[in-house]
Structures are given as C-alpha cells and as structure tokens.
Protein backbone atom coordinates (compact mmCIF):
# COMPACT_ATOMS: atom_id res chain seq x y z
CA MET A 1 19.94 1.92 28.21
CA LEU A 2 20.49 0.87 24.17
CA ASN A 3 23.22 1.06 22.73
CA PHE A 4 23.18 2.76 19.44
CA TRP A 5 23.39 0.17 16.98
CA THR A 6 20.40 -1.31 18.92
CA LYS A 7 18.49 1.92 18.37
CA ILE A 8 19.37 1.89 14.93
CA LYS A 9 18.01 -2.09 14.18
CA ALA A 10 14.83 -1.09 16.35
CA ILE A 11 14.37 1.65 13.98
CA SER A 12 15.20 -0.49 10.97
CA LEU A 13 12.80 -3.08 11.86
CA LEU A 14 10.05 -0.53 12.95
CA THR A 15 10.14 1.06 9.64
CA LEU A 16 10.06 -2.20 7.69
CA ILE A 17 6.89 -2.96 9.44
CA ILE A 18 5.44 0.32 8.42
CA LEU A 19 6.01 -0.08 5.26
CA ASN A 20 4.42 -3.82 5.01
CA VAL A 21 1.50 -2.31 6.91
CA ILE A 22 1.34 0.31 4.02
CA PHE A 23 1.73 -1.77 1.41
CA ASN A 24 -0.85 -4.14 2.09
CA PHE A 25 -3.43 -1.48 2.82
CA ILE A 26 -2.76 0.06 -0.17
CA GLN A 27 -2.78 -3.28 -1.86
CA GLY A 28 -6.29 -4.36 -0.18
CA ASP A 29 -4.28 -7.81 1.08
CA GLY A 30 -4.76 -7.45 5.03
CA LEU A 31 -2.26 -7.16 7.48
CA LEU A 32 0.88 -10.03 7.28
CA ALA A 33 1.85 -11.13 10.42
CA ILE A 34 4.96 -8.92 11.99
CA ASN A 35 7.46 -11.29 11.60
CA SER A 36 6.68 -12.16 7.88
CA ILE A 37 8.37 -9.07 5.83
CA PRO A 38 7.78 -9.18 2.03
CA GLU A 39 10.87 -10.09 -0.12
CA TRP A 40 10.47 -6.42 -2.01
CA ILE A 41 11.18 -4.66 1.34
CA GLU A 42 14.18 -7.67 1.87
CA ASN A 43 15.34 -6.44 -1.29
CA MET A 44 15.83 -2.77 -0.37
CA ASP A 45 19.27 -1.42 0.69
CA ASP A 46 19.93 0.59 3.66
CA GLU A 47 19.45 3.95 1.58
CA ASP A 48 16.79 2.79 0.15
CA ILE A 49 15.25 2.04 3.72
CA SER A 50 16.04 5.53 4.94
CA PHE A 51 14.43 7.38 1.88
CA VAL A 52 11.39 5.71 2.79
CA ARG A 53 11.87 6.29 6.34
CA LYS A 54 12.05 9.84 5.78
CA PHE A 55 9.52 10.03 3.23
CA ILE A 56 7.05 8.71 5.74
CA LEU A 57 7.78 10.79 8.05
CA ALA A 58 7.58 14.29 5.78
CA SER A 59 4.15 12.96 5.16
CA GLY A 60 5.16 12.00 1.31
CA SER A 61 6.26 15.60 0.66
CA LEU A 62 8.90 15.46 -1.73
CA LYS A 63 9.15 19.30 -1.46
CA GLU A 64 10.08 18.63 2.13
CA VAL A 65 12.45 15.52 1.81
CA ALA A 66 14.34 17.27 -0.83
CA GLY A 67 14.89 19.76 2.07
CA ILE A 68 16.04 16.68 3.80
CA TYR A 69 18.69 16.06 1.54
CA GLY A 70 19.33 19.37 0.13
CA VAL A 71 18.72 18.51 -3.32
CA THR A 72 15.97 19.60 -5.88
CA TYR A 73 12.14 18.04 -6.03
CA PRO A 74 13.33 16.49 -9.70
CA THR A 75 16.11 14.41 -8.06
CA VAL A 76 13.50 13.31 -5.27
CA ARG A 77 10.72 11.89 -7.93
CA LEU A 78 13.60 10.50 -9.90
CA ARG A 79 14.71 8.60 -6.96
CA LEU A 80 11.24 7.50 -6.20
CA ASP A 81 10.52 6.24 -9.57
CA ARG A 82 13.10 3.93 -8.93
CA LEU A 83 12.33 3.14 -5.87
CA ILE A 84 9.04 2.19 -7.07
CA GLN A 85 10.40 0.31 -10.45
CA LYS A 86 12.85 -2.06 -8.00
CA ILE A 87 9.71 -2.52 -5.88
CA GLN A 88 8.23 -3.89 -9.28
CA ILE A 89 10.97 -5.42 -10.24
CA SER A 90 11.04 -7.47 -7.09
CA GLU A 91 7.37 -8.44 -7.41
CA ASP A 92 8.39 -9.51 -11.13
CA ALA A 93 11.25 -11.79 -10.36
CA ALA A 94 9.82 -14.57 -9.44
CA ASN A 95 7.98 -15.11 -13.03
CA GLU A 96 11.41 -13.88 -15.14
CA PRO A 97 14.56 -13.97 -12.71
CA TYR A 98 16.50 -13.32 -15.42
CA ILE A 99 14.60 -10.29 -17.03
CA SER A 100 13.96 -9.12 -13.38
CA LEU A 101 18.06 -9.26 -12.88
CA ILE A 102 18.78 -7.53 -16.12
CA LYS A 103 16.27 -4.48 -15.12
CA ARG A 104 17.28 -4.19 -11.70
CA MET A 105 21.15 -3.80 -13.14
CA ALA A 106 20.15 -0.73 -15.63
CA ILE A 107 18.04 0.80 -12.79
CA ASN A 108 20.84 0.88 -10.39
CA GLU A 109 23.29 2.11 -13.33
CA LYS A 110 25.45 -1.22 -13.76
CA ILE A 111 24.45 -1.51 -17.36
CA ASP A 112 22.64 1.42 -19.67
CA PHE A 113 19.12 0.72 -20.72
CA ASP A 114 19.69 0.39 -24.27
CA THR A 115 21.92 -2.83 -23.16
CA ALA A 116 19.47 -4.30 -21.39
CA LYS A 117 16.66 -3.49 -24.05
CA ILE A 118 19.04 -5.74 -26.00
CA LEU A 119 19.64 -8.24 -23.31
CA ILE A 120 16.02 -8.93 -22.49
CA THR A 121 14.55 -8.55 -26.30
CA GLU A 122 17.67 -11.32 -27.04
CA TYR A 123 15.99 -13.11 -24.26
CA LYS A 124 12.74 -13.52 -25.36
CA LYS A 125 13.57 -14.67 -28.49
CA HIS A 126 15.71 -17.73 -27.41
CA VAL A 127 12.72 -18.55 -24.82
CA LYS A 128 9.78 -18.87 -27.21
CA GLU A 129 12.41 -20.93 -29.44
C-alpha cells in the first residue's frame, strides 16, 4: 500500500499532467510528452496547484470552488485572475526577466502596484538609452 506522501506526489504529478494537456489543447499546440512539464506549471507553488486541481474537479465552477474554500465568488475570481497573471508573466519571463520579476512581486503583494509601475518605467527608460 502506498504511503500518504507517495499518494500526494502522484496526485500532484497527475494534476500537472492534466494542466499540461488542458493548456496545450487550449493553445492548439498539440500534446507535450508526459515527462515535459512547461515552465509556467513548474513556477506554480503548492497552493496554486491545489487551487487549479479543485477548479478542474469542480468543472470550472467558480461558485463551487468558492463553496469548497468557504469564501465569496469574487474572492475566487480574484484568485483565478492572479493565477492567470502569474502564468502570463511566466511566459513573458524569457523576454524581460527583470520586468517579470517586478510584476510577479506585485501580484504576490511583495510590493505595491504603484512601486512596480515606477520600477518598470525607469527600467524601460534606461534600456532604451
């Protein structure tokens, strides 16, 4: 019989594979090999993966996910929007790693959005020079 942590790892891996398949289907890129996990999935923390798993198991129903977490629909919508932003930033990271870092810090509330805007604007000014 599998121990608890082995089961958790198997569920997490299965969730990552499902996310990979869904993402590639939506993007129309075709399926990736199972041993190839996109960087945007690798960059997710455990809470994000758990949220996505619950979202998928709830068939994408934000109302049902809100019930699972015991929060309001707008709270779940905000969480989903932040997760979408993290994925988009992860995909942009190859082009502008510094800007991606600043955006990620703002989304994770490590810095406020006004500070992020100032840092990105100043960075872009210096890059153009």
